[in-house]
PDB file of N, CA and C in Angstrom:
ATOM      1  N   UNK A   1      10.596   0.473   1.655  1.00  0.00           N
ATOM      2  CA  UNK A   1       9.395   1.393   1.809  1.00  0.00           C
ATOM      3  C   UNK A   1       9.452   2.921   2.727  1.00  0.00           C
ATOM      4  N   UNK A   2      10.219   4.051   1.884  1.00  0.00           N
ATOM      5  CA  UNK A   2       9.520   5.217   2.943  1.00  0.00           C
ATOM      6  C   UNK A   2       8.818   5.364   3.457  1.00  0.00           C
ATOM      7  N   UNK A   3       8.948   6.397   5.005  1.00  0.00           N
ATOM      8  CA  UNK A   3       7.988   6.494   4.920  1.00  0.00           C
ATOM      9  C   UNK A   3       7.466   7.847   4.257  1.00  0.00           C
ATOM     10  N   UNK A   4       5.426   8.400   4.163  1.00  0.00           N
ATOM     11  CA  UNK A   4       5.178   8.799   3.250  1.00  0.00           C
ATOM     12  C   UNK A   4       5.583  10.539   4.015  1.00  0.00           C
ATOM     13  N   UNK A   5       5.499  10.955   3.218  1.00  0.00           N
ATOM     14  CA  UNK A   5       5.353  12.898   3.037  1.00  0.00           C
ATOM     15  C   UNK A   5       4.406  13.970   3.162  1.00  0.00           C
ATOM     16  N   UNK A   6       3.714  13.974   3.810  1.00  0.00           N
ATOM     17  CA  UNK A   6       2.531  14.855   3.561  1.00  0.00           C
ATOM     18  C   UNK A   6       2.694  16.093   2.935  1.00  0.00           C
ATOM     19  N   UNK A   7       2.960  16.113   1.617  1.00  0.00           N
ATOM     20  CA  UNK A   7       3.124  17.966   1.153  1.00  0.00           C
ATOM     21  C   UNK A   7       1.565  18.154   0.387  1.00  0.00           C
ATOM     22  N   UNK A   8       1.253  19.021   1.293  1.00  0.00           N
ATOM     23  CA  UNK A   8      -0.435  18.999   0.147  1.00  0.00           C
ATOM     24  C   UNK A   8      -0.124  19.907  -0.901  1.00  0.00           C
ATOM     25  N   UNK A   9       1.114  20.565  -1.347  1.00  0.00           N
ATOM     26  CA  UNK A   9       1.173  21.686  -2.695  1.00  0.00           C
ATOM     27  C   UNK A   9       1.929  20.497  -3.815  1.00  0.00           C
ATOM     28  N   UNK A  10       1.706  19.438  -3.395  1.00  0.00           N
ATOM     29  CA  UNK A  10       2.213  18.547  -4.146  1.00  0.00           C
ATOM     30  C   UNK A  10       1.358  17.445  -4.498  1.00  0.00           C
ATOM     31  N   UNK A  11      -0.178  17.596  -4.865  1.00  0.00           N
ATOM     32  CA  UNK A  11      -1.150  16.745  -5.874  1.00  0.00           C
ATOM     33  C   UNK A  11      -0.142  15.982  -6.906  1.00  0.00           C
ATOM     34  N   UNK A  12       0.229  16.315  -6.930  1.00  0.00           N
ATOM     35  CA  UNK A  12       1.050  15.712  -8.590  1.00  0.00           C
ATOM     36  C   UNK A  12       2.022  14.350  -7.869  1.00  0.00           C
ATOM     37  N   UNK A  13       2.023  14.566  -6.769  1.00  0.00           N
ATOM     38  CA  UNK A  13       3.514  13.575  -6.597  1.00  0.00           C
ATOM     39  C   UNK A  13       2.824  12.798  -5.695  1.00  0.00           C
ATOM     40  N   UNK A  14       1.896  13.073  -4.910  1.00  0.00           N
ATOM     41  CA  UNK A  14       1.113  12.336  -3.966  1.00  0.00           C
ATOM     42  C   UNK A  14       0.351  11.016  -4.424  1.00  0.00           C
ATOM     43  N   UNK A  15      -0.395  11.291  -6.454  1.00  0.00           N
ATOM     44  CA  UNK A  15      -1.093  10.796  -6.846  1.00  0.00           C
ATOM     45  C   UNK A  15      -0.424   9.229  -7.562  1.00  0.00           C
ATOM     46  N   UNK A  16       1.160   9.921  -7.769  1.00  0.00           N
ATOM     47  CA  UNK A  16       2.177   9.330  -7.709  1.00  0.00           C
ATOM     48  C   UNK A  16       2.499   8.107  -6.947  1.00  0.00           C
ATOM     49  N   UNK A  17       2.545   8.715  -5.591  1.00  0.00           N
ATOM     50  CA  UNK A  17       3.066   7.778  -5.273  1.00  0.00           C
ATOM     51  C   UNK A  17       1.695   6.564  -4.723  1.00  0.00           C
ATOM     52  N   UNK A  18       0.703   7.080  -4.842  1.00  0.00           N
ATOM     53  CA  UNK A  18      -0.367   6.558  -4.526  1.00  0.00           C
ATOM     54  C   UNK A  18      -0.421   5.093  -4.922  1.00  0.00           C
ATOM     55  N   UNK A  19      -0.347   5.800  -6.571  1.00  0.00           N
ATOM     56  CA  UNK A  19      -0.465   4.293  -7.662  1.00  0.00           C
ATOM     57  C   UNK A  19       1.035   3.805  -7.078  1.00  0.00           C
ATOM     58  N   UNK A  20       2.422   4.463  -7.184  1.00  0.00           N
ATOM     59  CA  UNK A  20       2.834   3.471  -6.459  1.00  0.00           C
ATOM     60  C   UNK A  20       3.121   2.011  -4.822  1.00  0.00           C
ATOM     61  N   UNK A  21       2.052   3.089  -4.785  1.00  0.00           N
ATOM     62  CA  UNK A  21       2.070   1.799  -2.890  1.00  0.00           C
ATOM     63  C   UNK A  21       0.539   1.129  -3.816  1.00  0.00           C
ATOM     64  N   UNK A  22      -0.461   1.329  -4.667  1.00  0.00           N
ATOM     65  CA  UNK A  22      -1.242   0.252  -4.506  1.00  0.00           C
ATOM     66  C   UNK A  22      -0.441  -0.968  -5.621  1.00  0.00           C
ATOM     67  N   UNK A  23       0.341  -0.403  -6.674  1.00  0.00           N
ATOM     68  CA  UNK A  23       1.072  -1.239  -7.544  1.00  0.00           C
ATOM     69  C   UNK A  23       1.612  -2.220  -6.208  1.00  0.00           C
ATOM     70  N   UNK A  24       2.285  -2.002  -5.519  1.00  0.00           N
ATOM     71  CA  UNK A  24       3.335  -2.795  -4.744  1.00  0.00           C
ATOM     72  C   UNK A  24       2.380  -4.130  -3.579  1.00  0.00           C
ATOM     73  N   UNK A  25       0.850  -3.175  -3.773  1.00  0.00           N
ATOM     74  CA  UNK A  25      -0.067  -3.532  -3.007  1.00  0.00           C
ATOM     75  C   UNK A  25      -0.699  -4.861  -3.888  1.00  0.00           C
ATOM     76  N   UNK A  26      -0.943  -4.742  -4.963  1.00  0.00           N
ATOM     77  CA  UNK A  26      -1.583  -6.073  -5.573  1.00  0.00           C
ATOM     78  C   UNK A  26       0.232  -6.634  -6.691  1.00  0.00           C
ATOM     79  N   UNK A  27       0.787  -6.200  -6.120  1.00  0.00           N
ATOM     80  CA  UNK A  27       2.784  -6.817  -6.218  1.00  0.00           C
ATOM     81  C   UNK A  27       2.638  -8.073  -5.139  1.00  0.00           C
ATOM     82  N   UNK A  28       2.486  -7.488  -4.014  1.00  0.00           N
ATOM     83  CA  UNK A  28       2.089  -8.629  -2.633  1.00  0.00           C
ATOM     84  C   UNK A  28       1.599  -9.562  -3.116  1.00  0.00           C
ATOM     85  N   UNK A  29       0.270  -9.138  -3.084  1.00  0.00           N
ATOM     86  CA  UNK A  29      -1.187  -9.760  -3.006  1.00  0.00           C
ATOM     87  C   UNK A  29      -0.616 -11.469  -4.406  1.00  0.00           C
ATOM     88  N   UNK A  30      -0.308 -10.935  -5.210  1.00  0.00           N
ATOM     89  CA  UNK A  30       0.243 -11.837  -6.352  1.00  0.00           C
ATOM     90  C   UNK A  30       1.332 -12.846  -5.751  1.00  0.00           C
ATOM     91  N   UNK A  31       2.228 -12.433  -4.909  1.00  0.00           N
ATOM     92  CA  UNK A  31       3.863 -13.101  -4.774  1.00  0.00           C
ATOM     93  C   UNK A  31       2.874 -13.997  -2.984  1.00  0.00           C
ATOM     94  N   UNK A  32       2.348 -13.078  -2.726  1.00  0.00           N
ATOM     95  CA  UNK A  32       1.276 -14.532  -1.126  1.00  0.00           C
ATOM     96  C   UNK A  32       0.571 -15.057  -2.410  1.00  0.00           C
ATOM     97  N   UNK A  33       0.084 -15.082  -2.702  1.00  0.00           N
ATOM     98  CA  UNK A  33      -1.051 -16.057  -3.542  1.00  0.00           C
ATOM     99  C   UNK A  33      -0.031 -17.124  -4.065  1.00  0.00           C
ATOM    100  N   UNK A  34       0.412 -17.548  -4.841  1.00  0.00           N
ATOM    101  CA  UNK A  34       1.427 -17.567  -5.756  1.00  0.00           C
ATOM    102  C   UNK A  34       2.724 -18.659  -4.040  1.00  0.00           C
ATOM    103  N   UNK A  35       3.481 -18.230  -3.435  1.00  0.00           N
ATOM    104  CA  UNK A  35       3.487 -18.393  -2.616  1.00  0.00           C
ATOM    105  C   UNK A  35       2.334 -20.133  -1.836  1.00  0.00           C
ATOM    106  N   UNK A  36       1.384 -19.510  -1.576  1.00  0.00           N
ATOM    107  CA  UNK A  36       0.584 -20.484  -0.973  1.00  0.00           C
ATOM    108  C   UNK A  36       0.377 -22.090  -2.238  1.00  0.00           C
ATOM    109  N   UNK A  37      -0.224 -21.211  -3.013  1.00  0.00           N
ATOM    110  CA  UNK A  37      -0.175 -22.391  -3.742  1.00  0.00           C
ATOM    111  C   UNK A  37       0.853 -23.332  -4.240  1.00  0.00           C
ATOM    112  N   UNK A  38       2.287 -22.258  -3.966  1.00  0.00           N
ATOM    113  CA  UNK A  38       3.586 -23.865  -3.807  1.00  0.00           C
ATOM    114  C   UNK A  38       3.534 -24.417  -2.503  1.00  0.00           C
ATOM    115  N   UNK A  39       2.934 -24.026  -1.219  1.00  0.00           N
ATOM    116  CA  UNK A  39       3.130 -24.484  -0.470  1.00  0.00           C
ATOM    117  C   UNK A  39       4.242 -23.619   0.245  1.00  0.00           C
ATOM    118  N   UNK A  40       4.929 -22.753   0.327  1.00  0.00           N
ATOM    119  CA  UNK A  40       5.823 -22.486   0.803  1.00  0.00           C
ATOM    120  C   UNK A  40       6.347 -21.867   2.424  1.00  0.00           C
ATOM    121  N   UNK A  41       6.904 -21.631   2.427  1.00  0.00           N
ATOM    122  CA  UNK A  41       7.628 -20.830   3.669  1.00  0.00           C
ATOM    123  C   UNK A  41       6.101 -20.578   4.150  1.00  0.00           C
ATOM    124  N   UNK A  42       5.498 -20.254   5.812  1.00  0.00           N
ATOM    125  CA  UNK A  42       4.310 -20.041   5.936  1.00  0.00           C
ATOM    126  C   UNK A  42       5.067 -18.228   6.967  1.00  0.00           C
ATOM    127  N   UNK A  43       6.101 -19.026   7.060  1.00  0.00           N
ATOM    128  CA  UNK A  43       6.972 -17.103   7.453  1.00  0.00           C
ATOM    129  C   UNK A  43       7.337 -16.559   7.161  1.00  0.00           C
ATOM    130  N   UNK A  44       7.632 -16.646   5.720  1.00  0.00           N
ATOM    131  CA  UNK A  44       7.663 -15.680   5.134  1.00  0.00           C
ATOM    132  C   UNK A  44       6.816 -15.158   4.617  1.00  0.00           C
ATOM    133  N   UNK A  45       5.732 -16.589   3.911  1.00  0.00           N
ATOM    134  CA  UNK A  45       4.101 -15.523   2.978  1.00  0.00           C
ATOM    135  C   UNK A  45       3.649 -14.664   4.742  1.00  0.00           C
ATOM    136  N   UNK A  46       4.004 -14.900   5.971  1.00  0.00           N
ATOM    137  CA  UNK A  46       3.627 -14.247   6.608  1.00  0.00           C
ATOM    138  C   UNK A  46       3.871 -12.710   6.979  1.00  0.00           C
ATOM    139  N   UNK A  47       4.809 -12.354   6.519  1.00  0.00           N
ATOM    140  CA  UNK A  47       5.589 -11.795   7.196  1.00  0.00           C
ATOM    141  C   UNK A  47       5.083 -10.456   5.739  1.00  0.00           C
ATOM    142  N   UNK A  48       5.513 -11.480   4.104  1.00  0.00           N
ATOM    143  CA  UNK A  48       4.346 -10.615   3.111  1.00  0.00           C
ATOM    144  C   UNK A  48       3.462  -9.964   4.195  1.00  0.00           C
ATOM    145  N   UNK A  49       2.236 -10.650   4.523  1.00  0.00           N
ATOM    146  CA  UNK A  49       0.822  -9.778   4.499  1.00  0.00           C
ATOM    147  C   UNK A  49       0.988  -9.189   5.959  1.00  0.00           C
ATOM    148  N   UNK A  50       2.159  -9.183   6.598  1.00  0.00           N
ATOM    149  CA  UNK A  50       2.024  -7.991   7.517  1.00  0.00           C
ATOM    150  C   UNK A  50       2.443  -6.479   6.046  1.00  0.00           C
ATOM    151  N   UNK A  51       3.763  -7.007   5.283  1.00  0.00           N
ATOM    152  CA  UNK A  51       4.127  -6.364   4.800  1.00  0.00           C
ATOM    153  C   UNK A  51       2.492  -5.694   3.741  1.00  0.00           C
ATOM    154  N   UNK A  52       1.960  -6.059   3.053  1.00  0.00           N
ATOM    155  CA  UNK A  52       0.932  -6.062   3.015  1.00  0.00           C
ATOM    156  C   UNK A  52      -0.100  -5.269   3.350  1.00  0.00           C
ATOM    157  N   UNK A  53      -0.234  -5.051   4.508  1.00  0.00           N
ATOM    158  CA  UNK A  53      -1.264  -4.822   5.232  1.00  0.00           C
ATOM    159  C   UNK A  53      -0.635  -3.026   5.593  1.00  0.00           C
ATOM    160  N   UNK A  54       0.868  -2.878   5.937  1.00  0.00           N
ATOM    161  CA  UNK A  54       2.023  -1.175   6.044  1.00  0.00           C
ATOM    162  C   UNK A  54       0.923  -1.106   4.798  1.00  0.00           C
ATOM    163  N   UNK A  55       1.031  -1.196   3.211  1.00  0.00           N
ATOM    164  CA  UNK A  55       0.984  -0.563   2.371  1.00  0.00           C
ATOM    165  C   UNK A  55      -0.099  -0.542   2.144  1.00  0.00           C
ATOM    166  N   UNK A  56      -1.283  -1.132   2.657  1.00  0.00           N
ATOM    167  CA  UNK A  56      -3.006  -0.824   2.472  1.00  0.00           C
ATOM    168  C   UNK A  56      -3.419   0.364   3.848  1.00  0.00           C
ATOM    169  N   UNK A  57      -2.791   0.478   4.782  1.00  0.00           N
ATOM    170  CA  UNK A  57      -2.410   1.495   5.408  1.00  0.00           C
ATOM    171  C   UNK A  57      -2.081   2.617   5.104  1.00  0.00           C
ATOM    172  N   UNK A  58      -0.995   2.920   4.541  1.00  0.00           N
ATOM    173  CA  UNK A  58      -0.303   4.191   3.464  1.00  0.00           C
ATOM    174  C   UNK A  58      -1.661   4.712   2.913  1.00  0.00           C
ATOM    175  N   UNK A  59      -2.020   3.089   2.068  1.00  0.00           N
ATOM    176  CA  UNK A  59      -2.833   3.948   0.856  1.00  0.00           C
ATOM    177  C   UNK A  59      -3.921   4.299   1.480  1.00  0.00           C
ATOM    178  N   UNK A  60      -4.787   3.747   2.411  1.00  0.00           N
ATOM    179  CA  UNK A  60      -6.054   4.859   3.147  1.00  0.00           C
ATOM    180  C   UNK A  60      -5.544   5.579   3.590  1.00  0.00           C
ATOM    181  N   UNK A  61      -4.042   6.026   3.903  1.00  0.00           N
ATOM    182  CA  UNK A  61      -3.999   7.266   4.602  1.00  0.00           C
ATOM    183  C   UNK A  61      -3.570   8.035   3.991  1.00  0.00           C
ATOM    184  N   UNK A  62      -2.722   8.065   2.909  1.00  0.00           N
ATOM    185  CA  UNK A  62      -2.915   9.017   1.639  1.00  0.00           C
ATOM    186  C   UNK A  62      -3.898   9.442   1.158  1.00  0.00           C
ATOM    187  N   UNK A  63      -4.944   8.060   0.873  1.00  0.00           N
ATOM    188  CA  UNK A  63      -5.987   8.474   0.551  1.00  0.00           C
ATOM    189  C   UNK A  63      -6.606   9.994   1.337  1.00  0.00           C
ATOM    190  N   UNK A  64      -7.056   9.625   2.648  1.00  0.00           N
ATOM    191  CA  UNK A  64      -8.229  10.900   3.254  1.00  0.00           C
ATOM    192  C   UNK A  64      -7.236  11.461   3.043  1.00  0.00           C
ATOM    193  N   UNK A  65      -5.677  11.806   2.887  1.00  0.00           N
ATOM    194  CA  UNK A  65      -5.169  13.377   2.705  1.00  0.00           C
ATOM    195  C   UNK A  65      -5.258  13.906   1.290  1.00  0.00           C
ATOM    196  N   UNK A  66      -5.729  12.932   0.528  1.00  0.00           N
ATOM    197  CA  UNK A  66      -6.187  13.697  -0.932  1.00  0.00           C
ATOM    198  C   UNK A  66      -7.252  14.256  -1.225  1.00  0.00           C
ATOM    199  N   UNK A  67      -8.327  13.349  -0.369  1.00  0.00           N
ATOM    200  CA  UNK A  67      -9.910  13.650  -1.085  1.00  0.00           C
ATOM    201  C   UNK A  67     -10.152  14.468   0.579  1.00  0.00           C
ATOM    202  N   UNK A  68     -10.734  15.911   0.011  1.00  0.00           N
ATOM    203  CA  UNK A  68     -11.431  16.466   1.077  1.00  0.00           C
ATOM    204  C   UNK A  68     -12.084  16.011   1.428  1.00  0.00           C
ATOM    205  N   UNK A  69     -11.790  17.018   2.942  1.00  0.00           N
ATOM    206  CA  UNK A  69     -13.972  16.387   4.013  1.00  0.00           C
ATOM    207  C   UNK A  69     -14.894  17.722   3.412  1.00  0.00           C
ATOM    208  N   UNK A  70     -15.800  16.863   3.465  1.00  0.00           N
ATOM    209  CA  UNK A  70     -16.781  17.152   3.495  1.00  0.00           C
ATOM    210  C   UNK A  70     -17.615  17.087   4.524  1.00  0.00           C
ATOM    211  N   UNK A  71     -17.840  18.704   5.001  1.00  0.00           N
ATOM    212  CA  UNK A  71     -18.412  18.805   6.026  1.00  0.00           C
ATOM    213  C   UNK A  71     -20.331  18.462   6.014  1.00  0.00           C
ATOM    214  N   UNK A  72     -21.348  17.932   5.481  1.00  0.00           N
ATOM    215  CA  UNK A  72     -22.470  18.273   5.746  1.00  0.00           C
ATOM    216  C   UNK A  72     -23.125  18.646   6.965  1.00  0.00           C
TER     217      UNK A  72
END
């Protein structure tokens, strides 16, 4: 996965990227669950869990850039 480049003028691109990341996160979740049910290699599962966390971090970061700050 490539790093996210923040371009505030490309809202459609950022929303598309966000949906891609969410899809990848769901895919990793299903893969991890299936590997755990199959009793697969713990090292492989651990690597996928790390990748899932990286994807989640990118989702949170991108969401924070898309959502405007509200000063109360």
